[in-house]
Amino acid sequence: MSPNPLTARETYQILRDIALGVRSMRRIGEHSWVEIYCGLMTVETDGWVITFYNDCDTLDYCDSCYNPEGSAYTFDSSKRFGTDPVELLSTWEHRELERLLSLM
């Protein structure tokens, strides 16, 4: 991991920007959200590389996020609630991000 890891809050801000339409994302890899159904999907937005976990067509958590400078957030299931950026999204933001992913 980089010497300056990204916080869940910093990563959440990028996810929120995507949900609000401030940033657009593109899929990295050949499989769509629906084709993956259960597994990891990676996207890119403005140099940020974000990997989400798709649990049966549901956005479950953010597995990792790397900013253009190389700092990273990585998911750790042993951490307490609120350390996954997806948990910080409002209900509407979560639903919108999930909808945008399903279109990819």
C-alpha atoms as a PDB file:
ATOM      1  CA  MET A   1       0.000   0.000   0.000  1.00  0.00           C
ATOM      2  CA  SER A   2       1.147   3.568  -0.590  1.00  0.00           C
ATOM      3  CA  PRO A   3       2.662   5.611   2.241  1.00  0.00           C
ATOM      4  CA  ASN A   4      -0.400   7.897   2.225  1.00  0.00           C
ATOM      5  CA  PRO A   5      -3.458   5.645   2.059  1.00  0.00           C
ATOM      6  CA  LEU A   6      -6.791   7.088   0.969  1.00  0.00           C
ATOM      7  CA  THR A   7      -9.465   7.275   3.619  1.00  0.00           C
ATOM      8  CA  ALA A   8     -12.965   5.915   3.172  1.00  0.00           C
ATOM      9  CA  ARG A   9     -14.203   9.529   3.233  1.00  0.00           C
ATOM     10  CA  GLU A  10     -11.885  10.585   0.356  1.00  0.00           C
ATOM     11  CA  THR A  11     -12.975   7.578  -1.687  1.00  0.00           C
ATOM     12  CA  TYR A  12     -16.639   8.207  -0.842  1.00  0.00           C
ATOM     13  CA  GLN A  13     -16.326  11.709  -2.314  1.00  0.00           C
ATOM     14  CA  ILE A  14     -15.354  10.230  -5.708  1.00  0.00           C
ATOM     15  CA  LEU A  15     -18.256   7.738  -5.564  1.00  0.00           C
ATOM     16  CA  ARG A  16     -20.625  10.570  -4.653  1.00  0.00           C
ATOM     17  CA  ASP A  17     -19.365  12.661  -7.583  1.00  0.00           C
ATOM     18  CA  ILE A  18     -20.076   9.737  -9.924  1.00  0.00           C
ATOM     19  CA  ALA A  19     -23.586   9.263  -8.514  1.00  0.00           C
ATOM     20  CA  LEU A  20     -24.314  12.992  -8.860  1.00  0.00           C
ATOM     21  CA  GLY A  21     -23.095  13.054 -12.463  1.00  0.00           C
ATOM     22  CA  VAL A  22     -20.109  15.323 -11.716  1.00  0.00           C
ATOM     23  CA  ARG A  23     -17.756  12.578 -12.942  1.00  0.00           C
ATOM     24  CA  SER A  24     -18.346   9.896 -15.530  1.00  0.00           C
ATOM     25  CA  MET A  25     -16.842   6.443 -15.403  1.00  0.00           C
ATOM     26  CA  ARG A  26     -15.814   3.837 -17.920  1.00  0.00           C
ATOM     27  CA  ARG A  27     -15.515   0.118 -17.416  1.00  0.00           C
ATOM     28  CA  ILE A  28     -12.068  -1.470 -17.395  1.00  0.00           C
ATOM     29  CA  GLY A  29     -12.323  -5.066 -18.548  1.00  0.00           C
ATOM     30  CA  GLU A  30     -14.502  -6.964 -20.926  1.00  0.00           C
ATOM     31  CA  HIS A  31     -17.384  -8.046 -18.695  1.00  0.00           C
ATOM     32  CA  SER A  32     -20.385  -5.884 -17.849  1.00  0.00           C
ATOM     33  CA  TRP A  33     -21.931  -5.568 -14.391  1.00  0.00           C
ATOM     34  CA  VAL A  34     -24.723  -7.970 -15.375  1.00  0.00           C
ATOM     35  CA  GLU A  35     -22.280 -10.508 -16.865  1.00  0.00           C
ATOM     36  CA  ILE A  36     -20.192 -10.510 -13.700  1.00  0.00           C
ATOM     37  CA  TYR A  37     -23.301 -10.980 -11.486  1.00  0.00           C
ATOM     38  CA  CYS A  38     -21.131 -11.937  -8.508  1.00  0.00           C
ATOM     39  CA  GLY A  39     -17.559 -10.690  -8.430  1.00  0.00           C
ATOM     40  CA  LEU A  40     -15.306  -7.702  -8.968  1.00  0.00           C
ATOM     41  CA  MET A  41     -15.706  -4.955 -11.577  1.00  0.00           C
ATOM     42  CA  THR A  42     -13.206  -2.152 -12.154  1.00  0.00           C
ATOM     43  CA  VAL A  43     -13.965   1.303 -13.502  1.00  0.00           C
ATOM     44  CA  GLU A  44     -11.937   4.445 -14.169  1.00  0.00           C
ATOM     45  CA  THR A  45     -12.900   8.081 -13.664  1.00  0.00           C
ATOM     46  CA  ASP A  46     -10.522  11.009 -14.148  1.00  0.00           C
ATOM     47  CA  GLY A  47      -7.496   8.818 -13.453  1.00  0.00           C
ATOM     48  CA  TRP A  48      -9.020   7.173 -10.378  1.00  0.00           C
ATOM     49  CA  VAL A  49      -9.294   3.368 -10.630  1.00  0.00           C
ATOM     50  CA  ILE A  50     -12.068   1.885  -8.514  1.00  0.00           C
ATOM     51  CA  THR A  51     -13.013  -1.768  -8.038  1.00  0.00           C
ATOM     52  CA  PHE A  52     -16.482  -2.662  -6.780  1.00  0.00           C
ATOM     53  CA  TYR A  53     -17.859  -5.973  -5.554  1.00  0.00           C
ATOM     54  CA  ASN A  54     -21.050  -7.023  -7.322  1.00  0.00           C
ATOM     55  CA  ASP A  55     -23.075  -9.392  -5.133  1.00  0.00           C
ATOM     56  CA  CYS A  56     -25.833 -10.842  -7.310  1.00  0.00           C
ATOM     57  CA  ASP A  57     -26.397  -7.544  -9.195  1.00  0.00           C
ATOM     58  CA  THR A  58     -26.169  -5.515  -5.984  1.00  0.00           C
ATOM     59  CA  LEU A  59     -23.401  -3.047  -5.179  1.00  0.00           C
ATOM     60  CA  ASP A  60     -21.962  -4.558  -2.013  1.00  0.00           C
ATOM     61  CA  TYR A  61     -18.697  -2.715  -1.287  1.00  0.00           C
ATOM     62  CA  CYS A  62     -15.740  -0.851  -2.732  1.00  0.00           C
ATOM     63  CA  ASP A  63     -12.858  -3.333  -2.920  1.00  0.00           C
ATOM     64  CA  SER A  64     -10.181  -0.765  -3.788  1.00  0.00           C
ATOM     65  CA  CYS A  65      -9.601   2.741  -5.078  1.00  0.00           C
ATOM     66  CA  TYR A  66      -6.386   4.243  -6.447  1.00  0.00           C
ATOM     67  CA  ASN A  67      -5.973   7.934  -7.144  1.00  0.00           C
ATOM     68  CA  PRO A  68      -3.777   9.272  -9.985  1.00  0.00           C
ATOM     69  CA  GLU A  69      -0.905   9.886  -7.551  1.00  0.00           C
ATOM     70  CA  GLY A  70      -0.890   6.231  -6.446  1.00  0.00           C
ATOM     71  CA  SER A  71      -2.492   6.520  -3.011  1.00  0.00           C
ATOM     72  CA  ALA A  72      -4.906   3.702  -2.306  1.00  0.00           C
ATOM     73  CA  TYR A  73      -7.927   2.635  -0.309  1.00  0.00           C
ATOM     74  CA  THR A  74      -8.344  -1.115   0.136  1.00  0.00           C
ATOM     75  CA  PHE A  75     -11.310  -2.883   1.703  1.00  0.00           C
ATOM     76  CA  ASP A  76     -10.779  -4.724   4.972  1.00  0.00           C
ATOM     77  CA  SER A  77     -13.775  -6.682   6.241  1.00  0.00           C
ATOM     78  CA  SER A  78     -12.358  -6.712   9.778  1.00  0.00           C
ATOM     79  CA  LYS A  79     -12.723  -2.926  10.070  1.00  0.00           C
ATOM     80  CA  ARG A  80     -15.694  -1.344  11.794  1.00  0.00           C
ATOM     81  CA  PHE A  81     -18.811   0.081  10.099  1.00  0.00           C
ATOM     82  CA  GLY A  82     -18.202   3.294   8.170  1.00  0.00           C
ATOM     83  CA  THR A  83     -14.821   2.302   6.785  1.00  0.00           C
ATOM     84  CA  ASP A  84     -16.268   1.207   3.416  1.00  0.00           C
ATOM     85  CA  PRO A  85     -16.988   4.214   1.169  1.00  0.00           C
ATOM     86  CA  VAL A  86     -20.172   2.558  -0.138  1.00  0.00           C
ATOM     87  CA  GLU A  87     -21.567   2.581   3.421  1.00  0.00           C
ATOM     88  CA  LEU A  88     -21.153   6.365   3.500  1.00  0.00           C
ATOM     89  CA  LEU A  89     -23.375   6.911   0.441  1.00  0.00           C
ATOM     90  CA  SER A  90     -26.939   8.069   0.990  1.00  0.00           C
ATOM     91  CA  THR A  91     -29.657   5.654  -0.091  1.00  0.00           C
ATOM     92  CA  TRP A  92     -30.228   7.682  -3.269  1.00  0.00           C
ATOM     93  CA  GLU A  93     -26.475   7.913  -4.072  1.00  0.00           C
ATOM     94  CA  HIS A  94     -26.059   4.161  -3.561  1.00  0.00           C
ATOM     95  CA  ARG A  95     -29.025   3.367  -5.778  1.00  0.00           C
ATOM     96  CA  GLU A  96     -27.835   5.796  -8.483  1.00  0.00           C
ATOM     97  CA  LEU A  97     -24.270   4.441  -8.469  1.00  0.00           C
ATOM     98  CA  GLU A  98     -25.643   0.902  -8.685  1.00  0.00           C
ATOM     99  CA  ARG A  99     -27.877   1.965 -11.607  1.00  0.00           C
ATOM    100  CA  LEU A 100     -24.927   3.551 -13.445  1.00  0.00           C
ATOM    101  CA  LEU A 101     -22.860   0.407 -12.925  1.00  0.00           C
ATOM    102  CA  SER A 102     -25.688  -1.756 -14.277  1.00  0.00           C
ATOM    103  CA  LEU A 103     -25.597   0.261 -17.523  1.00  0.00           C
ATOM    104  CA  MET A 104     -21.950  -0.636 -18.069  1.00  0.00           C
END
